[in-house]
Amino acid sequence: MNFLNKITLFLFFALFLLAPKLSFALDIPEFPKEEYAKGEVIEILEDKTIDFFGDQNTYQKVRVRLESNDQLEVEHGGTVRISSDQKVAKGDQVVLIKIPRLDGNTSWQIIDRYRLGTIQFLIFLFFALVIFVSRKKGVGAILGLIISFVIIIKYIVPQINSGGDPLTVSIIGGIGIMFSTIFLAHGFNKQTVIALVSTSLTLIMTGIIAIWTVNITALTGMGSEDAYNLRFGLGTINTKGLLLGGIMIGVLGVLDDITTAQTAAVFEIFKANPKQKLRELYDSAMRVGREHISSLVNTLILAYAGVSLPIFIFIVFNPTNQPLWVILNSEMISEEIVRSLIGSASLILAVPITTIIASYIAVKKIKLETAEKV
């Protein structure tokens, strides 16, 4: 058994020895069950603007046919402000909720459009495109993606919520995700083992940096409305742990890309000139890696910026007239800055780590083959 296989087996067994007991359920308090329904708008009865305490709100009265074939007259907007994009039209599929009224009766209200059917179709198209272009590797990538979601939902989130150490849980879960995604997508060979080892080492270092950064910036994980709602709904959830877990998971996909690509670059460079020494190979591969870093850092920052575009709009227009330093100091903004910086730092660390490991293995392989011939 060669050195890389030993490392892979060690990581595999360490993953399960260090992992806390798997948890498949969250201890969630019971809330009153609300009644929801799906329906189709079959007629627009009224479409106008009404005055509501000085505001001109869009108001619609529509007839909806439920899945049970019952028909209802439903008010949309009026007392609740809706945009023009939220207005419904004949044929729209909608989601309704039954709400109590002041007179003791109940009524139905449109709360959203029903879009799961369209999303399922888009997912099918995405999977078909992946398989059509990548063939067997595409199938492996999809299987790895499914396993990744299972690990996140069934292991990482429940363990953090039950009080597990966020750093340990995120790293173990991340390594488990890498096992599935790298080997299923790229196969089991020398290069993928190097990519896995490099990703694991980078992930551990990223976790340490994330813990340190979140602590010195005094982030609590309550910088988003979603985290606040979770804290309100689940009570004892560790929002700081969820923030750390989110940071770790966020860098996994990019780490996979950069470690596999950099490993391949090292072996291709060495194949072109097998007489290179370790230092020469490392320097040559790092020149490629630096180009990769510059493009990926920009990509990652822009990805975070795209998700956080409403925050940029808030900063520019400043509807609350707060001083700029107050806005930038807020946890909502600070979280996004920290996410971006940690993600970029992980990419920078991954390149030299991957390059030195791949270069060492490539040079060592040639030395061993040369010694066997002699």
Protein backbone atom coordinates (compact mmCIF):
# COMPACT_ATOMS: atom_id res chain seq x y z
CA MET A 1 0.00 0.00 0.00
CA ASN A 2 1.56 3.29 -1.09
CA PHE A 3 1.81 6.50 0.91
CA LEU A 4 -1.25 8.22 -0.62
CA ASN A 5 -3.52 5.24 -0.03
CA LYS A 6 -2.41 5.15 3.60
CA ILE A 7 -3.25 8.85 3.96
CA THR A 8 -6.67 8.31 2.39
CA LEU A 9 -7.49 5.40 4.69
CA PHE A 10 -6.29 7.40 7.69
CA LEU A 11 -8.60 10.30 6.79
CA PHE A 12 -11.48 7.89 6.19
CA PHE A 13 -11.17 6.19 9.58
CA ALA A 14 -10.41 9.45 11.42
CA LEU A 15 -13.58 10.89 9.95
CA PHE A 16 -15.71 8.27 11.70
CA LEU A 17 -13.65 7.96 14.88
CA LEU A 18 -13.77 11.70 15.54
CA ALA A 19 -17.32 12.23 14.38
CA PRO A 20 -19.93 12.62 17.10
CA LYS A 21 -22.93 10.31 16.99
CA LEU A 22 -25.03 11.08 13.91
CA SER A 23 -28.20 12.97 14.63
CA PHE A 24 -31.21 12.70 12.36
CA ALA A 25 -33.68 14.92 14.19
CA LEU A 26 -33.73 18.40 15.67
CA ASP A 27 -35.43 19.05 18.99
CA ILE A 28 -37.89 21.59 17.65
CA PRO A 29 -40.74 22.98 19.76
CA GLU A 30 -44.30 22.42 18.57
CA PHE A 31 -46.02 25.36 16.89
CA PRO A 32 -49.70 25.64 16.01
CA LYS A 33 -50.30 23.93 12.69
CA GLU A 34 -51.45 26.31 9.99
CA GLU A 35 -53.50 25.22 7.00
CA TYR A 36 -52.09 25.81 3.54
CA ALA A 37 -53.44 25.02 0.09
CA LYS A 38 -52.46 25.23 -3.58
CA GLY A 39 -54.79 26.68 -6.16
CA GLU A 40 -55.15 28.25 -9.58
CA VAL A 41 -56.44 31.77 -10.27
CA ILE A 42 -59.39 31.34 -12.64
CA GLU A 43 -60.78 34.87 -12.65
CA ILE A 44 -59.78 38.42 -11.70
CA LEU A 45 -62.82 40.03 -10.07
CA GLU A 46 -61.28 43.36 -9.05
CA ASP A 47 -57.95 45.04 -9.75
CA LYS A 48 -57.50 48.54 -8.37
CA THR A 49 -55.68 50.81 -5.93
CA ILE A 50 -57.19 51.57 -2.52
CA ASP A 51 -56.31 54.03 0.23
CA PHE A 52 -55.00 52.33 3.38
CA PHE A 53 -54.15 54.84 6.13
CA GLY A 54 -52.75 57.28 3.59
CA ASP A 55 -50.93 54.70 1.48
CA GLN A 56 -52.09 53.78 -2.02
CA ASN A 57 -51.98 50.00 -2.01
CA THR A 58 -52.63 47.60 -4.86
CA TYR A 59 -55.76 45.53 -4.30
CA GLN A 60 -57.04 42.46 -6.13
CA LYS A 61 -60.05 40.26 -5.61
CA VAL A 62 -59.72 36.96 -7.42
CA ARG A 63 -61.46 33.62 -7.74
CA VAL A 64 -59.24 30.64 -6.99
CA ARG A 65 -59.89 26.96 -7.65
CA LEU A 66 -58.26 24.72 -5.05
CA GLU A 67 -56.88 21.25 -5.75
CA SER A 68 -60.07 19.88 -4.18
CA ASN A 69 -61.99 21.74 -6.96
CA ASP A 70 -63.56 24.06 -4.38
CA GLN A 71 -63.68 27.68 -5.53
CA LEU A 72 -62.94 30.66 -3.29
CA GLU A 73 -63.05 34.43 -3.60
CA VAL A 74 -59.75 35.69 -2.20
CA GLU A 75 -58.48 39.22 -1.50
CA HIS A 76 -54.88 39.94 -2.43
CA GLY A 77 -53.08 43.10 -1.27
CA GLY A 78 -55.04 46.03 0.09
CA THR A 79 -54.13 45.87 3.77
CA VAL A 80 -50.78 44.33 2.81
CA ARG A 81 -48.57 46.22 0.37
CA ILE A 82 -47.69 44.21 -2.74
CA SER A 83 -45.57 45.20 -5.73
CA SER A 84 -46.66 45.01 -9.35
CA ASP A 85 -44.62 41.80 -9.70
CA GLN A 86 -46.62 40.23 -6.88
CA LYS A 87 -49.95 40.81 -8.60
CA VAL A 88 -51.55 37.62 -9.88
CA ALA A 89 -53.14 36.91 -13.25
CA LYS A 90 -55.54 34.35 -14.60
CA GLY A 91 -53.88 30.93 -14.77
CA ASP A 92 -51.30 31.64 -12.05
CA GLN A 93 -50.63 28.85 -9.55
CA VAL A 94 -50.70 30.26 -6.01
CA VAL A 95 -50.15 29.25 -2.39
CA LEU A 96 -52.85 30.19 0.13
CA ILE A 97 -53.05 30.21 3.91
CA LYS A 98 -56.15 30.09 6.09
CA ILE A 99 -56.14 32.97 8.58
CA PRO A 100 -58.53 33.78 11.48
CA ARG A 101 -60.68 36.92 11.27
CA LEU A 102 -61.78 39.30 14.03
CA ASP A 103 -65.38 38.09 13.77
CA GLY A 104 -64.32 34.52 14.60
CA ASN A 105 -64.53 33.23 11.04
CA THR A 106 -61.62 32.32 8.77
CA SER A 107 -60.56 33.43 5.31
CA TRP A 108 -57.94 32.49 2.77
CA GLN A 109 -55.09 34.74 1.70
CA ILE A 110 -52.59 34.44 -1.16
CA ILE A 111 -49.06 34.42 0.26
CA ASP A 112 -46.95 33.33 -2.71
CA ARG A 113 -46.89 31.85 -6.18
CA TYR A 114 -46.50 28.08 -6.44
CA ARG A 115 -43.24 27.44 -8.26
CA LEU A 116 -42.03 24.01 -7.13
CA GLY A 117 -43.18 22.39 -10.37
CA THR A 118 -41.05 24.81 -12.39
CA ILE A 119 -38.08 24.38 -10.06
CA GLN A 120 -38.27 20.59 -10.36
CA PHE A 121 -38.26 20.97 -14.15
CA LEU A 122 -35.21 23.26 -14.00
CA ILE A 123 -33.37 20.78 -11.75
CA PHE A 124 -34.14 18.01 -14.25
CA LEU A 125 -32.77 20.16 -17.09
CA PHE A 126 -29.63 20.90 -15.07
CA PHE A 127 -29.01 17.22 -14.33
CA ALA A 128 -29.64 16.34 -17.99
CA LEU A 129 -27.15 19.01 -19.12
CA VAL A 130 -24.50 17.77 -16.67
CA ILE A 131 -24.92 14.14 -17.81
CA PHE A 132 -25.05 15.08 -21.51
CA VAL A 133 -21.79 17.04 -21.38
CA SER A 134 -19.85 15.08 -18.73
CA ARG A 135 -21.26 11.54 -19.27
CA LYS A 136 -20.20 9.19 -16.44
CA LYS A 137 -18.34 11.91 -14.58
CA GLY A 138 -21.53 13.96 -14.62
CA VAL A 139 -23.44 11.12 -12.97
CA GLY A 140 -20.74 10.93 -10.30
CA ALA A 141 -20.91 14.68 -9.75
CA ILE A 142 -24.70 14.54 -9.26
CA LEU A 143 -24.39 11.65 -6.80
CA GLY A 144 -21.73 13.62 -4.91
CA LEU A 145 -24.02 16.65 -4.81
CA ILE A 146 -26.87 14.59 -3.35
CA ILE A 147 -24.57 13.06 -0.72
CA SER A 148 -23.32 16.55 0.16
CA PHE A 149 -26.84 17.76 0.91
CA VAL A 150 -27.52 14.66 3.00
CA ILE A 151 -24.39 15.30 5.09
CA ILE A 152 -25.32 18.97 5.59
CA ILE A 153 -28.95 18.27 6.53
CA LYS A 154 -28.51 15.06 8.52
CA TYR A 155 -25.15 15.68 10.20
CA ILE A 156 -23.71 19.21 10.19
CA VAL A 157 -26.80 21.25 11.09
CA PRO A 158 -28.17 18.87 13.78
CA GLN A 159 -24.76 18.44 15.42
CA ILE A 160 -24.17 22.19 15.65
CA ASN A 161 -27.68 22.74 16.98
CA SER A 162 -27.24 20.02 19.63
CA GLY A 163 -24.15 21.76 21.01
CA GLY A 164 -21.35 20.11 19.02
CA ASP A 165 -18.17 22.08 18.51
CA PRO A 166 -18.77 24.06 15.28
CA LEU A 167 -15.16 23.78 14.12
CA THR A 168 -14.96 20.00 14.60
CA VAL A 169 -18.40 19.31 13.14
CA SER A 170 -17.86 21.54 10.10
CA ILE A 171 -14.44 20.11 9.32
CA ILE A 172 -15.59 16.49 9.71
CA GLY A 173 -18.69 17.15 7.61
CA GLY A 174 -16.63 19.02 5.04
CA ILE A 175 -14.12 16.18 4.69
CA GLY A 176 -17.04 13.78 4.30
CA ILE A 177 -18.44 15.95 1.54
CA MET A 178 -15.05 16.06 -0.16
CA PHE A 179 -14.79 12.25 -0.05
CA SER A 180 -18.03 11.97 -1.97
CA THR A 181 -17.64 14.85 -4.41
CA ILE A 182 -13.99 14.40 -5.40
CA PHE A 183 -13.98 10.62 -5.79
CA LEU A 184 -17.41 10.35 -7.41
CA ALA A 185 -16.79 13.25 -9.79
CA HIS A 186 -13.13 12.65 -10.65
CA GLY A 187 -12.55 8.96 -9.85
CA PHE A 188 -10.10 7.34 -7.43
CA ASN A 189 -6.51 7.96 -8.50
CA LYS A 190 -3.29 9.55 -7.34
CA GLN A 191 -4.35 13.07 -8.30
CA THR A 192 -7.75 12.93 -6.57
CA VAL A 193 -6.15 11.58 -3.39
CA ILE A 194 -3.71 14.51 -3.42
CA ALA A 195 -6.63 16.90 -3.97
CA LEU A 196 -8.51 15.35 -1.04
CA VAL A 197 -5.51 15.56 1.31
CA SER A 198 -4.84 19.16 0.25
CA THR A 199 -8.48 20.13 0.66
CA SER A 200 -8.64 18.54 4.11
CA LEU A 201 -5.53 20.38 5.32
CA THR A 202 -6.80 23.67 3.89
CA LEU A 203 -10.21 23.10 5.45
CA ILE A 204 -8.67 22.58 8.89
CA MET A 205 -6.64 25.78 8.57
CA THR A 206 -9.69 27.66 7.28
CA GLY A 207 -11.70 26.45 10.27
CA ILE A 208 -9.10 27.77 12.68
CA ILE A 209 -9.00 31.11 10.86
CA ALA A 210 -12.82 31.27 10.85
CA ILE A 211 -13.08 30.63 14.59
CA TRP A 212 -10.44 33.27 15.32
CA THR A 213 -11.95 35.84 12.94
CA VAL A 214 -15.53 35.40 14.19
CA ASN A 215 -14.35 35.73 17.80
CA ILE A 216 -12.22 38.85 17.33
CA THR A 217 -14.97 40.57 15.34
CA ALA A 218 -17.53 39.61 18.03
CA LEU A 219 -19.98 38.18 15.50
CA THR A 220 -22.93 36.29 16.96
CA GLY A 221 -24.45 34.87 13.78
CA MET A 222 -27.55 37.05 14.20
CA GLY A 223 -26.75 39.31 11.26
CA SER A 224 -29.50 37.97 8.99
CA GLU A 225 -33.26 37.77 9.25
CA ASP A 226 -33.12 34.01 8.66
CA ALA A 227 -30.82 33.50 11.66
CA TYR A 228 -33.07 35.69 13.81
CA ASN A 229 -36.14 33.68 12.80
CA LEU A 230 -34.31 30.43 13.56
CA ARG A 231 -33.31 31.71 16.99
CA PHE A 232 -36.89 32.75 17.65
CA GLY A 233 -38.30 29.44 16.41
CA LEU A 234 -35.76 26.99 17.81
CA GLY A 235 -34.72 28.88 20.94
CA THR A 236 -31.39 27.28 21.84
CA ILE A 237 -29.86 27.09 18.37
CA ASN A 238 -26.18 28.06 18.16
CA THR A 239 -26.27 30.88 15.60
CA LYS A 240 -22.53 31.50 15.84
CA GLY A 241 -21.99 27.83 15.06
CA LEU A 242 -24.30 28.06 12.06
CA LEU A 243 -22.34 31.07 10.83
CA LEU A 244 -19.08 29.13 11.10
CA GLY A 245 -20.62 26.09 9.42
CA GLY A 246 -21.91 28.26 6.61
CA ILE A 247 -18.50 29.80 6.06
CA MET A 248 -16.86 26.36 5.92
CA ILE A 249 -19.44 24.90 3.55
CA GLY A 250 -19.25 28.01 1.38
CA VAL A 251 -15.58 27.48 0.58
CA LEU A 252 -15.82 23.72 -0.06
CA GLY A 253 -16.91 23.90 -3.68
CA VAL A 254 -14.19 26.35 -4.66
CA LEU A 255 -11.56 24.38 -2.73
CA ASP A 256 -12.56 21.27 -4.69
CA ASP A 257 -12.04 23.16 -7.93
CA ILE A 258 -8.71 24.72 -7.06
CA THR A 259 -7.10 21.63 -5.52
CA THR A 260 -8.05 19.28 -8.36
CA ALA A 261 -7.04 21.82 -11.02
CA GLN A 262 -3.75 22.67 -9.32
CA THR A 263 -2.88 18.99 -8.84
CA ALA A 264 -3.52 18.35 -12.53
CA ALA A 265 -1.37 21.36 -13.45
CA VAL A 266 1.56 20.08 -11.37
CA PHE A 267 1.50 16.64 -13.01
CA GLU A 268 1.17 18.11 -16.52
CA ILE A 269 4.11 20.46 -15.92
CA PHE A 270 6.19 17.57 -14.56
CA LYS A 271 5.19 15.33 -17.47
CA ALA A 272 6.54 17.96 -19.89
CA ASN A 273 9.93 17.94 -18.11
CA PRO A 274 10.43 14.94 -15.77
CA LYS A 275 13.97 16.05 -14.95
CA GLN A 276 12.80 18.98 -12.86
CA LYS A 277 13.77 19.10 -9.22
CA LEU A 278 11.22 19.68 -6.48
CA ARG A 279 11.93 23.40 -6.15
CA GLU A 280 11.78 23.97 -9.91
CA LEU A 281 8.52 22.09 -10.24
CA TYR A 282 7.01 23.95 -7.30
CA ASP A 283 7.99 27.35 -8.72
CA SER A 284 6.60 26.51 -12.17
CA ALA A 285 3.32 25.24 -10.76
CA MET A 286 2.96 28.22 -8.43
CA ARG A 287 3.08 30.57 -11.42
CA VAL A 288 0.00 28.79 -12.73
CA GLY A 289 -1.55 28.76 -9.27
CA ARG A 290 -1.14 32.52 -8.83
CA GLU A 291 -3.14 33.09 -12.01
CA HIS A 292 -5.79 30.75 -10.67
CA ILE A 293 -5.88 32.60 -7.36
CA SER A 294 -6.37 36.02 -8.96
CA SER A 295 -9.34 34.84 -11.00
CA LEU A 296 -10.99 32.73 -8.28
CA VAL A 297 -10.69 35.37 -5.56
CA ASN A 298 -12.46 37.82 -7.83
CA THR A 299 -15.08 35.19 -8.67
CA LEU A 300 -15.72 34.39 -5.01
CA ILE A 301 -16.00 38.04 -3.96
CA LEU A 302 -18.39 38.75 -6.83
CA ALA A 303 -20.46 35.68 -5.90
CA TYR A 304 -20.84 37.00 -2.34
CA ALA A 305 -21.56 40.48 -3.70
CA GLY A 306 -24.26 39.12 -5.99
CA VAL A 307 -26.02 37.39 -3.12
CA SER A 308 -25.66 40.53 -0.99
CA LEU A 309 -26.75 43.04 -3.67
CA PRO A 310 -29.64 44.38 -1.52
CA ILE A 311 -27.04 45.27 1.11
CA PHE A 312 -25.10 47.36 -1.42
CA ILE A 313 -28.32 49.14 -2.37
CA PHE A 314 -29.02 49.79 1.31
CA ILE A 315 -25.52 51.27 1.76
CA VAL A 316 -25.76 53.50 -1.32
CA PHE A 317 -29.25 54.89 -0.69
CA ASN A 318 -29.13 54.73 3.13
CA PRO A 319 -32.91 54.98 3.69
CA THR A 320 -32.46 55.11 7.48
CA ASN A 321 -29.99 58.07 7.27
CA GLN A 322 -27.47 56.30 9.49
CA PRO A 323 -23.79 57.29 9.44
CA LEU A 324 -21.80 55.13 7.02
CA TRP A 325 -19.59 53.78 9.81
CA VAL A 326 -22.67 52.58 11.71
CA ILE A 327 -23.93 50.69 8.66
CA LEU A 328 -20.54 49.12 7.94
CA ASN A 329 -20.14 48.21 11.61
CA SER A 330 -23.47 46.39 11.72
CA GLU A 331 -23.38 42.61 12.06
CA MET A 332 -25.26 42.18 8.79
CA ILE A 333 -22.48 43.90 6.81
CA SER A 334 -19.62 42.55 8.94
CA GLU A 335 -20.76 38.95 8.38
CA GLU A 336 -20.60 39.34 4.60
CA ILE A 337 -17.15 40.96 4.79
CA VAL A 338 -15.84 38.17 7.03
CA ARG A 339 -17.32 35.47 4.75
CA SER A 340 -15.61 37.00 1.72
CA LEU A 341 -12.24 37.41 3.43
CA ILE A 342 -12.16 33.90 4.91
CA GLY A 343 -13.24 32.36 1.62
CA SER A 344 -10.54 34.21 -0.27
CA ALA A 345 -7.92 33.32 2.35
CA SER A 346 -8.79 29.62 2.00
CA LEU A 347 -8.18 29.80 -1.76
CA ILE A 348 -4.82 31.47 -1.25
CA LEU A 349 -3.77 28.81 1.26
CA ALA A 350 -4.98 25.93 -0.93
CA VAL A 351 -2.64 26.70 -3.82
CA PRO A 352 0.75 26.39 -2.06
CA ILE A 353 -0.49 23.46 0.05
CA THR A 354 -1.66 21.54 -3.01
CA THR A 355 1.39 22.49 -5.05
CA ILE A 356 3.96 21.31 -2.50
CA ILE A 357 2.17 18.00 -1.89
CA ALA A 358 1.63 17.28 -5.61
CA SER A 359 5.20 18.32 -6.49
CA TYR A 360 6.66 16.10 -3.76
CA ILE A 361 4.62 13.08 -4.87
CA ALA A 362 5.46 13.62 -8.56
CA VAL A 363 9.21 13.93 -7.93
CA LYS A 364 9.22 11.05 -5.44
CA LYS A 365 7.46 8.81 -7.96
CA ILE A 366 10.16 9.41 -10.57
CA LYS A 367 12.91 8.78 -8.01
CA LEU A 368 11.31 5.49 -6.98
CA GLU A 369 10.91 4.38 -10.60
CA THR A 370 14.52 5.30 -11.32
CA ALA A 371 15.74 3.40 -8.23
CA GLU A 372 13.74 0.30 -9.23
CA LYS A 373 15.31 0.32 -12.73
CA VAL A 374 18.81 0.52 -11.25
